[in-house]
Amino acid sequence: MNLPLPLDKAIIAVLCSALVIFFTRSISFIVFKNGNPPPVIRFIEKYMPAVIMAILLVYCFKDVEFSHSPFGAPYIICTVFCAAVHLLFNNSMLSIVGSTVLFMVLSRIM
């Protein structure tokens, strides 16, 4: 049974959330106010996007059935499409949205 949240508690929850978000976003500016992040942060900044992409790629292909029709074709087509669009236009949002739309279409027709 879901009871509605009273207005005063809802306002308190929103204010608490706003303060937490403000603090977590501000802490990096406070910690690195001199402008020179430590080498470990620069290493993470340089290599983490590629690591995350590799993890997402493995996660996306973990349940694909290559032994049954359509043999993972929508996944492979959309992966190649996403990489091509990103390399051509260098726009992450375009490659993500475009490959998602293509996957939805392909998963319906295949």
Protein backbone atom coordinates (compact mmCIF):
# COMPACT_ATOMS: atom_id res chain seq x y z
CA MET A 1 0.00 0.00 0.00
CA ASN A 2 1.56 3.31 -1.17
CA LEU A 3 0.59 6.31 0.88
CA PRO A 4 1.11 9.76 -0.62
CA LEU A 5 4.04 11.73 0.79
CA PRO A 6 2.90 14.80 2.77
CA LEU A 7 3.92 18.13 1.25
CA ASP A 8 6.26 19.13 4.08
CA LYS A 9 8.17 15.85 3.89
CA ALA A 10 8.33 16.07 0.10
CA ILE A 11 9.83 19.57 0.32
CA ILE A 12 12.37 18.37 2.89
CA ALA A 13 13.30 15.42 0.66
CA VAL A 14 13.77 17.70 -2.37
CA LEU A 15 15.89 20.15 -0.37
CA CYS A 16 18.04 17.35 1.03
CA SER A 17 18.52 15.93 -2.46
CA ALA A 18 19.44 19.37 -3.80
CA LEU A 19 22.03 19.89 -1.06
CA VAL A 20 23.59 16.48 -1.62
CA ILE A 21 23.78 17.04 -5.38
CA PHE A 22 25.25 20.52 -4.91
CA PHE A 23 27.86 19.19 -2.47
CA THR A 24 28.89 16.23 -4.62
CA ARG A 25 29.23 18.45 -7.70
CA SER A 26 31.15 21.13 -5.81
CA ILE A 27 33.62 18.83 -4.08
CA SER A 28 35.80 18.35 -7.17
CA PHE A 29 36.16 22.13 -7.56
CA ILE A 30 37.06 22.44 -3.89
CA VAL A 31 39.60 19.59 -3.94
CA PHE A 32 41.26 20.62 -7.22
CA LYS A 33 41.08 24.40 -6.82
CA ASN A 34 44.78 24.81 -7.68
CA GLY A 35 44.10 23.41 -11.17
CA ASN A 36 46.54 20.49 -11.17
CA PRO A 37 44.90 17.13 -10.51
CA PRO A 38 47.16 14.32 -9.30
CA PRO A 39 48.53 11.83 -11.87
CA VAL A 40 46.07 9.12 -10.84
CA ILE A 41 43.14 11.37 -11.72
CA ARG A 42 44.68 12.21 -15.09
CA PHE A 43 45.21 8.48 -15.73
CA ILE A 44 41.57 7.71 -14.88
CA GLU A 45 40.41 10.63 -17.02
CA LYS A 46 42.43 9.37 -19.99
CA TYR A 47 41.63 5.64 -19.90
CA MET A 48 38.28 5.25 -18.11
CA PRO A 49 36.00 6.05 -21.08
CA ALA A 50 37.54 3.25 -23.15
CA VAL A 51 37.32 0.83 -20.22
CA ILE A 52 33.65 1.68 -19.67
CA MET A 53 32.91 1.21 -23.39
CA ALA A 54 34.59 -2.20 -23.34
CA ILE A 55 32.60 -3.26 -20.28
CA LEU A 56 29.36 -2.07 -21.90
CA LEU A 57 30.20 -3.95 -25.09
CA VAL A 58 30.77 -7.20 -23.17
CA TYR A 59 27.57 -6.61 -21.21
CA CYS A 60 25.56 -5.98 -24.40
CA PHE A 61 26.74 -9.20 -26.04
CA LYS A 62 26.53 -11.47 -22.97
CA ASP A 63 23.06 -12.89 -23.72
CA VAL A 64 23.19 -12.94 -27.52
CA GLU A 65 22.30 -16.30 -29.07
CA PHE A 66 24.66 -16.68 -32.03
CA SER A 67 23.46 -20.24 -32.64
CA HIS A 68 19.83 -19.30 -33.39
CA SER A 69 18.31 -17.06 -36.02
CA PRO A 70 18.95 -14.11 -36.50
CA PHE A 71 22.40 -15.11 -35.16
CA GLY A 72 22.98 -11.84 -33.32
CA ALA A 73 22.62 -9.79 -36.50
CA PRO A 74 20.81 -6.81 -34.90
CA TYR A 75 23.51 -6.56 -32.23
CA ILE A 76 26.38 -6.76 -34.68
CA ILE A 77 24.77 -4.36 -37.17
CA CYS A 78 24.03 -1.80 -34.46
CA THR A 79 27.52 -2.07 -32.96
CA VAL A 80 29.12 -1.43 -36.35
CA PHE A 81 26.62 1.39 -37.03
CA CYS A 82 27.33 3.01 -33.66
CA ALA A 83 31.10 2.88 -34.20
CA ALA A 84 30.81 4.22 -37.76
CA VAL A 85 28.53 7.11 -36.81
CA HIS A 86 30.78 8.01 -33.89
CA LEU A 87 33.92 7.94 -36.05
CA LEU A 88 32.26 9.95 -38.84
CA PHE A 89 30.54 12.62 -36.76
CA ASN A 90 32.38 12.40 -33.42
CA ASN A 91 29.05 12.90 -31.66
CA SER A 92 28.31 10.50 -28.81
CA MET A 93 24.65 11.44 -28.52
CA LEU A 94 24.03 10.90 -32.23
CA SER A 95 25.74 7.50 -32.21
CA ILE A 96 23.90 6.36 -29.06
CA VAL A 97 20.45 7.53 -30.14
CA GLY A 98 20.91 6.41 -33.74
CA SER A 99 22.08 2.92 -32.83
CA THR A 100 19.32 2.57 -30.23
CA VAL A 101 16.64 3.48 -32.77
CA LEU A 102 18.21 1.15 -35.34
CA PHE A 103 18.30 -1.67 -32.79
CA MET A 104 14.63 -1.19 -31.90
CA VAL A 105 13.70 -1.34 -35.59
CA LEU A 106 15.90 -4.36 -36.30
CA SER A 107 14.75 -6.25 -33.23
CA ARG A 108 11.13 -5.87 -34.43
CA ILE A 109 11.69 -6.95 -38.03
CA MET A 110 14.25 -9.74 -37.50
